[in-house]
Amino acid sequence: MCRTRNKLQKGVAKLKKEKHKEYVFLTAHQKRKGLSDAEVAEILGITTRTYQNKVKGLSDFTLSEANKLSKLLNQTKEELFLT
């Protein structure tokens, strides 16, 4: 039982370290609008570093953040986040 628990904990830890792909379409639309990371982060109400980590795929955007980005960049969420 203890071995199974250890394997499960290691598997969960591994999944937490994995990240998804960088959001290249989001970055492209942001640049096209002439917006800096700091400007977008301020609009989302998060720090610039947090925004950069989310764009790199190190953490997830919330639904609220995705909706704000969609409106800001005049793109659907699918266009911004599905690669």
PDB file of N, CA and C in Angstrom:
ATOM      1  N   MET A   1       0.828  -1.189   0.000  1.00  0.00           N
ATOM      2  CA  MET A   1       0.000   0.000   0.000  1.00  0.00           C
ATOM      3  C   MET A   1       0.871   1.251   0.000  1.00  0.00           C
ATOM      4  N   CYS A   2       1.927   1.227   0.775  1.00  0.00           N
ATOM      5  CA  CYS A   2       2.813   2.387   0.869  1.00  0.00           C
ATOM      6  C   CYS A   2       3.528   2.626  -0.460  1.00  0.00           C
ATOM      7  N   ARG A   3       3.921   1.549  -1.122  1.00  0.00           N
ATOM      8  CA  ARG A   3       4.593   1.700  -2.428  1.00  0.00           C
ATOM      9  C   ARG A   3       3.653   2.307  -3.455  1.00  0.00           C
ATOM     10  N   THR A   4       2.415   1.857  -3.427  1.00  0.00           N
ATOM     11  CA  THR A   4       1.422   2.393  -4.360  1.00  0.00           C
ATOM     12  C   THR A   4       1.215   3.883  -4.114  1.00  0.00           C
ATOM     13  N   ARG A   5       1.151   4.270  -2.868  1.00  0.00           N
ATOM     14  CA  ARG A   5       0.965   5.682  -2.526  1.00  0.00           C
ATOM     15  C   ARG A   5       2.151   6.508  -2.995  1.00  0.00           C
ATOM     16  N   ASN A   6       3.366   5.991  -2.809  1.00  0.00           N
ATOM     17  CA  ASN A   6       4.561   6.711  -3.253  1.00  0.00           C
ATOM     18  C   ASN A   6       4.574   6.877  -4.764  1.00  0.00           C
ATOM     19  N   LYS A   7       4.202   5.829  -5.491  1.00  0.00           N
ATOM     20  CA  LYS A   7       4.148   5.914  -6.955  1.00  0.00           C
ATOM     21  C   LYS A   7       3.109   6.943  -7.389  1.00  0.00           C
ATOM     22  N   LEU A   8       1.977   6.936  -6.725  1.00  0.00           N
ATOM     23  CA  LEU A   8       0.926   7.895  -7.049  1.00  0.00           C
ATOM     24  C   LEU A   8       1.386   9.320  -6.779  1.00  0.00           C
ATOM     25  N   GLN A   9       2.038   9.543  -5.656  1.00  0.00           N
ATOM     26  CA  GLN A   9       2.527  10.880  -5.320  1.00  0.00           C
ATOM     27  C   GLN A   9       3.579  11.340  -6.325  1.00  0.00           C
ATOM     28  N   LYS A  10       4.453  10.432  -6.757  1.00  0.00           N
ATOM     29  CA  LYS A  10       5.461  10.794  -7.757  1.00  0.00           C
ATOM     30  C   LYS A  10       4.805  11.127  -9.090  1.00  0.00           C
ATOM     31  N   GLY A  11       3.763  10.383  -9.447  1.00  0.00           N
ATOM     32  CA  GLY A  11       3.050  10.652 -10.694  1.00  0.00           C
ATOM     33  C   GLY A  11       2.372  12.001 -10.673  1.00  0.00           C
ATOM     34  N   VAL A  12       1.751  12.338  -9.559  1.00  0.00           N
ATOM     35  CA  VAL A  12       1.090  13.637  -9.419  1.00  0.00           C
ATOM     36  C   VAL A  12       2.117  14.759  -9.476  1.00  0.00           C
ATOM     37  N   ALA A  13       3.235  14.581  -8.803  1.00  0.00           N
ATOM     38  CA  ALA A  13       4.291  15.601  -8.821  1.00  0.00           C
ATOM     39  C   ALA A  13       4.805  15.812 -10.237  1.00  0.00           C
ATOM     40  N   LYS A  14       4.941  14.730 -10.987  1.00  0.00           N
ATOM     41  CA  LYS A  14       5.412  14.835 -12.377  1.00  0.00           C
ATOM     42  C   LYS A  14       4.407  15.614 -13.222  1.00  0.00           C
ATOM     43  N   LEU A  15       3.129  15.330 -13.050  1.00  0.00           N
ATOM     44  CA  LEU A  15       2.101  16.035 -13.806  1.00  0.00           C
ATOM     45  C   LEU A  15       2.094  17.523 -13.487  1.00  0.00           C
ATOM     46  N   LYS A  16       2.316  17.875 -12.237  1.00  0.00           N
ATOM     47  CA  LYS A  16       2.332  19.281 -11.847  1.00  0.00           C
ATOM     48  C   LYS A  16       3.491  20.028 -12.490  1.00  0.00           C
ATOM     49  N   LYS A  17       4.593  19.338 -12.769  1.00  0.00           N
ATOM     50  CA  LYS A  17       5.755  19.981 -13.373  1.00  0.00           C
ATOM     51  C   LYS A  17       5.593  20.150 -14.874  1.00  0.00           C
ATOM     52  N   GLU A  18       4.768  19.295 -15.487  1.00  0.00           N
ATOM     53  CA  GLU A  18       4.580  19.388 -16.924  1.00  0.00           C
ATOM     54  C   GLU A  18       3.816  20.663 -17.255  1.00  0.00           C
ATOM     55  N   LYS A  19       4.087  21.191 -18.425  1.00  0.00           N
ATOM     56  CA  LYS A  19       3.404  22.403 -18.838  1.00  0.00           C
ATOM     57  C   LYS A  19       2.810  22.194 -20.217  1.00  0.00           C
ATOM     58  N   HIS A  20       1.929  23.053 -20.600  1.00  0.00           N
ATOM     59  CA  HIS A  20       1.366  22.982 -21.934  1.00  0.00           C
ATOM     60  C   HIS A  20       2.170  23.887 -22.857  1.00  0.00           C
ATOM     61  N   LYS A  21       1.829  23.861 -24.118  1.00  0.00           N
ATOM     62  CA  LYS A  21       2.574  24.645 -25.104  1.00  0.00           C
ATOM     63  C   LYS A  21       2.409  26.141 -24.869  1.00  0.00           C
ATOM     64  N   GLU A  22       3.399  26.855 -25.311  1.00  0.00           N
ATOM     65  CA  GLU A  22       3.337  28.319 -25.252  1.00  0.00           C
ATOM     66  C   GLU A  22       2.225  28.807 -26.175  1.00  0.00           C
ATOM     67  N   TYR A  23       1.563  29.857 -25.762  1.00  0.00           N
ATOM     68  CA  TYR A  23       0.462  30.412 -26.552  1.00  0.00           C
ATOM     69  C   TYR A  23       0.998  31.386 -27.594  1.00  0.00           C
ATOM     70  N   VAL A  24       1.423  30.851 -28.734  1.00  0.00           N
ATOM     71  CA  VAL A  24       2.047  31.688 -29.764  1.00  0.00           C
ATOM     72  C   VAL A  24       1.040  32.610 -30.454  1.00  0.00           C
ATOM     73  N   PHE A  25      -0.199  32.152 -30.609  1.00  0.00           N
ATOM     74  CA  PHE A  25      -1.196  32.998 -31.257  1.00  0.00           C
ATOM     75  C   PHE A  25      -1.564  34.179 -30.363  1.00  0.00           C
ATOM     76  N   LEU A  26      -1.633  33.939 -29.078  1.00  0.00           N
ATOM     77  CA  LEU A  26      -1.901  35.013 -28.130  1.00  0.00           C
ATOM     78  C   LEU A  26      -0.814  36.074 -28.219  1.00  0.00           C
ATOM     79  N   THR A  27       0.430  35.637 -28.223  1.00  0.00           N
ATOM     80  CA  THR A  27       1.569  36.553 -28.319  1.00  0.00           C
ATOM     81  C   THR A  27       1.535  37.333 -29.635  1.00  0.00           C
ATOM     82  N   ALA A  28       1.214  36.646 -30.722  1.00  0.00           N
ATOM     83  CA  ALA A  28       1.172  37.307 -32.035  1.00  0.00           C
ATOM     84  C   ALA A  28       0.102  38.394 -32.073  1.00  0.00           C
ATOM     85  N   HIS A  29      -1.083  38.100 -31.552  1.00  0.00           N
ATOM     86  CA  HIS A  29      -2.155  39.098 -31.548  1.00  0.00           C
ATOM     87  C   HIS A  29      -1.835  40.257 -30.605  1.00  0.00           C
ATOM     88  N   GLN A  30      -1.185  39.951 -29.515  1.00  0.00           N
ATOM     89  CA  GLN A  30      -0.773  40.997 -28.573  1.00  0.00           C
ATOM     90  C   GLN A  30       0.208  41.955 -29.241  1.00  0.00           C
ATOM     91  N   LYS A  31       1.180  41.412 -29.933  1.00  0.00           N
ATOM     92  CA  LYS A  31       2.175  42.245 -30.616  1.00  0.00           C
ATOM     93  C   LYS A  31       1.523  43.057 -31.738  1.00  0.00           C
ATOM     94  N   ARG A  32       0.590  42.438 -32.441  1.00  0.00           N
ATOM     95  CA  ARG A  32      -0.105  43.128 -33.527  1.00  0.00           C
ATOM     96  C   ARG A  32      -0.862  44.345 -33.006  1.00  0.00           C
ATOM     97  N   LYS A  33      -1.392  44.242 -31.788  1.00  0.00           N
ATOM     98  CA  LYS A  33      -2.097  45.365 -31.162  1.00  0.00           C
ATOM     99  C   LYS A  33      -1.137  46.374 -30.538  1.00  0.00           C
ATOM    100  N   GLY A  34       0.156  46.023 -30.471  1.00  0.00           N
ATOM    101  CA  GLY A  34       1.140  46.930 -29.903  1.00  0.00           C
ATOM    102  C   GLY A  34       1.101  47.006 -28.388  1.00  0.00           C
ATOM    103  N   LEU A  35       0.662  45.936 -27.754  1.00  0.00           N
ATOM    104  CA  LEU A  35       0.546  45.902 -26.302  1.00  0.00           C
ATOM    105  C   LEU A  35       1.743  45.193 -25.669  1.00  0.00           C
ATOM    106  N   SER A  36       2.277  45.786 -24.631  1.00  0.00           N
ATOM    107  CA  SER A  36       3.376  45.146 -23.900  1.00  0.00           C
ATOM    108  C   SER A  36       2.815  44.131 -22.913  1.00  0.00           C
ATOM    109  N   ASP A  37       3.681  43.255 -22.425  1.00  0.00           N
ATOM    110  CA  ASP A  37       3.276  42.297 -21.395  1.00  0.00           C
ATOM    111  C   ASP A  37       2.758  43.020 -20.161  1.00  0.00           C
ATOM    112  N   ALA A  38       3.410  44.105 -19.793  1.00  0.00           N
ATOM    113  CA  ALA A  38       3.011  44.870 -18.603  1.00  0.00           C
ATOM    114  C   ALA A  38       1.610  45.458 -18.776  1.00  0.00           C
ATOM    115  N   GLU A  39       1.315  45.958 -19.967  1.00  0.00           N
ATOM    116  CA  GLU A  39      -0.008  46.535 -20.222  1.00  0.00           C
ATOM    117  C   GLU A  39      -1.101  45.474 -20.136  1.00  0.00           C
ATOM    118  N   VAL A  40      -0.851  44.333 -20.740  1.00  0.00           N
ATOM    119  CA  VAL A  40      -1.841  43.252 -20.707  1.00  0.00           C
ATOM    120  C   VAL A  40      -2.013  42.742 -19.279  1.00  0.00           C
ATOM    121  N   ALA A  41      -0.912  42.578 -18.572  1.00  0.00           N
ATOM    122  CA  ALA A  41      -0.976  42.110 -17.183  1.00  0.00           C
ATOM    123  C   ALA A  41      -1.797  43.058 -16.327  1.00  0.00           C
ATOM    124  N   GLU A  42      -1.608  44.349 -16.519  1.00  0.00           N
ATOM    125  CA  GLU A  42      -2.362  45.342 -15.742  1.00  0.00           C
ATOM    126  C   GLU A  42      -3.859  45.225 -16.020  1.00  0.00           C
ATOM    127  N   ILE A  43      -4.219  45.038 -17.280  1.00  0.00           N
ATOM    128  CA  ILE A  43      -5.622  44.878 -17.654  1.00  0.00           C
ATOM    129  C   ILE A  43      -6.213  43.625 -17.003  1.00  0.00           C
ATOM    130  N   LEU A  44      -5.404  42.561 -16.928  1.00  0.00           N
ATOM    131  CA  LEU A  44      -5.872  41.309 -16.321  1.00  0.00           C
ATOM    132  C   LEU A  44      -5.847  41.356 -14.795  1.00  0.00           C
ATOM    133  N   GLY A  45      -5.137  42.338 -14.242  1.00  0.00           N
ATOM    134  CA  GLY A  45      -5.047  42.444 -12.788  1.00  0.00           C
ATOM    135  C   GLY A  45      -4.050  41.476 -12.172  1.00  0.00           C
ATOM    136  N   ILE A  46      -3.005  41.139 -12.950  1.00  0.00           N
ATOM    137  CA  ILE A  46      -1.958  40.238 -12.465  1.00  0.00           C
ATOM    138  C   ILE A  46      -0.603  40.891 -12.715  1.00  0.00           C
ATOM    139  N   THR A  47       0.440  40.324 -12.138  1.00  0.00           N
ATOM    140  CA  THR A  47       1.777  40.882 -12.356  1.00  0.00           C
ATOM    141  C   THR A  47       2.281  40.525 -13.750  1.00  0.00           C
ATOM    142  N   THR A  48       3.253  41.278 -14.203  1.00  0.00           N
ATOM    143  CA  THR A  48       3.856  41.004 -15.503  1.00  0.00           C
ATOM    144  C   THR A  48       4.473  39.613 -15.521  1.00  0.00           C
ATOM    145  N   ARG A  49       5.164  39.237 -14.450  1.00  0.00           N
ATOM    146  CA  ARG A  49       5.797  37.911 -14.371  1.00  0.00           C
ATOM    147  C   ARG A  49       4.751  36.796 -14.443  1.00  0.00           C
ATOM    148  N   THR A  50       3.639  36.975 -13.748  1.00  0.00           N
ATOM    149  CA  THR A  50       2.577  35.964 -13.783  1.00  0.00           C
ATOM    150  C   THR A  50       2.022  35.829 -15.192  1.00  0.00           C
ATOM    151  N   TYR A  51       1.817  36.958 -15.859  1.00  0.00           N
ATOM    152  CA  TYR A  51       1.325  36.922 -17.242  1.00  0.00           C
ATOM    153  C   TYR A  51       2.313  36.192 -18.144  1.00  0.00           C
ATOM    154  N   GLN A  52       3.578  36.508 -18.019  1.00  0.00           N
ATOM    155  CA  GLN A  52       4.599  35.859 -18.839  1.00  0.00           C
ATOM    156  C   GLN A  52       4.641  34.357 -18.585  1.00  0.00           C
ATOM    157  N   ASN A  53       4.497  33.952 -17.339  1.00  0.00           N
ATOM    158  CA  ASN A  53       4.473  32.522 -17.018  1.00  0.00           C
ATOM    159  C   ASN A  53       3.257  31.834 -17.627  1.00  0.00           C
ATOM    160  N   LYS A  54       2.142  32.521 -17.640  1.00  0.00           N
ATOM    161  CA  LYS A  54       0.939  31.945 -18.237  1.00  0.00           C
ATOM    162  C   LYS A  54       1.097  31.811 -19.749  1.00  0.00           C
ATOM    163  N   VAL A  55       1.664  32.812 -20.393  1.00  0.00           N
ATOM    164  CA  VAL A  55       1.879  32.751 -21.840  1.00  0.00           C
ATOM    165  C   VAL A  55       2.858  31.623 -22.188  1.00  0.00           C
ATOM    166  N   LYS A  56       3.856  31.411 -21.345  1.00  0.00           N
ATOM    167  CA  LYS A  56       4.830  30.342 -21.573  1.00  0.00           C
ATOM    168  C   LYS A  56       4.267  28.959 -21.274  1.00  0.00           C
ATOM    169  N   GLY A  57       3.095  28.909 -20.666  1.00  0.00           N
ATOM    170  CA  GLY A  57       2.479  27.629 -20.355  1.00  0.00           C
ATOM    171  C   GLY A  57       2.855  27.083 -18.995  1.00  0.00           C
ATOM    172  N   LEU A  58       3.477  27.887 -18.167  1.00  0.00           N
ATOM    173  CA  LEU A  58       3.893  27.416 -16.847  1.00  0.00           C
ATOM    174  C   LEU A  58       2.739  27.409 -15.852  1.00  0.00           C
ATOM    175  N   SER A  59       1.698  28.172 -16.127  1.00  0.00           N
ATOM    176  CA  SER A  59       0.476  28.145 -15.322  1.00  0.00           C
ATOM    177  C   SER A  59      -0.688  28.461 -16.242  1.00  0.00           C
ATOM    178  N   ASP A  60      -1.878  28.246 -15.766  1.00  0.00           N
ATOM    179  CA  ASP A  60      -3.070  28.381 -16.603  1.00  0.00           C
ATOM    180  C   ASP A  60      -3.733  29.748 -16.456  1.00  0.00           C
ATOM    181  N   PHE A  61      -4.364  30.183 -17.536  1.00  0.00           N
ATOM    182  CA  PHE A  61      -5.202  31.369 -17.487  1.00  0.00           C
ATOM    183  C   PHE A  61      -6.543  30.976 -16.877  1.00  0.00           C
ATOM    184  N   THR A  62      -7.136  31.877 -16.123  1.00  0.00           N
ATOM    185  CA  THR A  62      -8.490  31.640 -15.624  1.00  0.00           C
ATOM    186  C   THR A  62      -9.467  31.943 -16.747  1.00  0.00           C
ATOM    187  N   LEU A  63     -10.702  31.501 -16.589  1.00  0.00           N
ATOM    188  CA  LEU A  63     -11.725  31.786 -17.584  1.00  0.00           C
ATOM    189  C   LEU A  63     -11.954  33.287 -17.700  1.00  0.00           C
ATOM    190  N   SER A  64     -11.938  33.964 -16.569  1.00  0.00           N
ATOM    191  CA  SER A  64     -12.100  35.420 -16.566  1.00  0.00           C
ATOM    192  C   SER A  64     -10.981  36.100 -17.357  1.00  0.00           C
ATOM    193  N   GLU A  65      -9.753  35.656 -17.154  1.00  0.00           N
ATOM    194  CA  GLU A  65      -8.614  36.223 -17.891  1.00  0.00           C
ATOM    195  C   GLU A  65      -8.738  35.931 -19.383  1.00  0.00           C
ATOM    196  N   ALA A  66      -9.162  34.722 -19.715  1.00  0.00           N
ATOM    197  CA  ALA A  66      -9.331  34.358 -21.123  1.00  0.00           C
ATOM    198  C   ALA A  66     -10.392  35.227 -21.782  1.00  0.00           C
ATOM    199  N   ASN A  67     -11.481  35.486 -21.068  1.00  0.00           N
ATOM    200  CA  ASN A  67     -12.540  36.355 -21.609  1.00  0.00           C
ATOM    201  C   ASN A  67     -12.036  37.775 -21.824  1.00  0.00           C
ATOM    202  N   LYS A  68     -11.276  38.302 -20.876  1.00  0.00           N
ATOM    203  CA  LYS A  68     -10.721  39.655 -21.005  1.00  0.00           C
ATOM    204  C   LYS A  68      -9.761  39.732 -22.194  1.00  0.00           C
ATOM    205  N   LEU A  69      -8.922  38.720 -22.345  1.00  0.00           N
ATOM    206  CA  LEU A  69      -7.979  38.707 -23.476  1.00  0.00           C
ATOM    207  C   LEU A  69      -8.719  38.629 -24.805  1.00  0.00           C
ATOM    208  N   SER A  70      -9.757  37.828 -24.838  1.00  0.00           N
ATOM    209  CA  SER A  70     -10.552  37.687 -26.051  1.00  0.00           C
ATOM    210  C   SER A  70     -11.138  39.035 -26.474  1.00  0.00           C
ATOM    211  N   LYS A  71     -11.686  39.765 -25.528  1.00  0.00           N
ATOM    212  CA  LYS A  71     -12.256  41.084 -25.832  1.00  0.00           C
ATOM    213  C   LYS A  71     -11.168  42.094 -26.193  1.00  0.00           C
ATOM    214  N   LEU A  72     -10.083  42.079 -25.434  1.00  0.00           N
ATOM    215  CA  LEU A  72      -8.983  43.020 -25.658  1.00  0.00           C
ATOM    216  C   LEU A  72      -8.381  42.868 -27.047  1.00  0.00           C
ATOM    217  N   LEU A  73      -8.211  41.622 -27.485  1.00  0.00           N
ATOM    218  CA  LEU A  73      -7.520  41.353 -28.745  1.00  0.00           C
ATOM    219  C   LEU A  73      -8.481  41.094 -29.903  1.00  0.00           C
ATOM    220  N   ASN A  74      -9.793  41.203 -29.631  1.00  0.00           N
ATOM    221  CA  ASN A  74     -10.813  40.984 -30.668  1.00  0.00           C
ATOM    222  C   ASN A  74     -10.659  39.633 -31.361  1.00  0.00           C
ATOM    223  N   GLN A  75     -10.430  38.611 -30.575  1.00  0.00           N
ATOM    224  CA  GLN A  75     -10.294  37.248 -31.075  1.00  0.00           C
ATOM    225  C   GLN A  75     -11.113  36.323 -30.185  1.00  0.00           C
ATOM    226  N   THR A  76     -11.534  35.192 -30.727  1.00  0.00           N
ATOM    227  CA  THR A  76     -12.228  34.219 -29.885  1.00  0.00           C
ATOM    228  C   THR A  76     -11.211  33.538 -28.977  1.00  0.00           C
ATOM    229  N   LYS A  77     -11.700  32.959 -27.912  1.00  0.00           N
ATOM    230  CA  LYS A  77     -10.805  32.221 -27.013  1.00  0.00           C
ATOM    231  C   LYS A  77     -10.152  31.061 -27.751  1.00  0.00           C
ATOM    232  N   GLU A  78     -10.911  30.434 -28.648  1.00  0.00           N
ATOM    233  CA  GLU A  78     -10.369  29.315 -29.415  1.00  0.00           C
ATOM    234  C   GLU A  78      -9.187  29.759 -30.274  1.00  0.00           C
ATOM    235  N   GLU A  79      -9.314  30.924 -30.889  1.00  0.00           N
ATOM    236  CA  GLU A  79      -8.239  31.433 -31.735  1.00  0.00           C
ATOM    237  C   GLU A  79      -6.982  31.752 -30.930  1.00  0.00           C
ATOM    238  N   LEU A  80      -7.181  32.212 -29.710  1.00  0.00           N
ATOM    239  CA  LEU A  80      -6.034  32.596 -28.878  1.00  0.00           C
ATOM    240  C   LEU A  80      -5.372  31.409 -28.199  1.00  0.00           C
ATOM    241  N   PHE A  81      -6.159  30.442 -27.782  1.00  0.00           N
ATOM    242  CA  PHE A  81      -5.604  29.401 -26.909  1.00  0.00           C
ATOM    243  C   PHE A  81      -5.472  28.023 -27.537  1.00  0.00           C
ATOM    244  N   LEU A  82      -6.140  27.761 -28.635  1.00  0.00           N
ATOM    245  CA  LEU A  82      -5.991  26.451 -29.274  1.00  0.00           C
ATOM    246  C   LEU A  82      -4.937  26.533 -30.360  1.00  0.00           C
ATOM    247  N   THR A  83      -3.932  25.695 -30.234  1.00  0.00           N
ATOM    248  CA  THR A  83      -2.844  25.727 -31.218  1.00  0.00           C
ATOM    249  C   THR A  83      -2.798  24.465 -32.017  1.00  0.00           C
TER     250      THR A  83
END
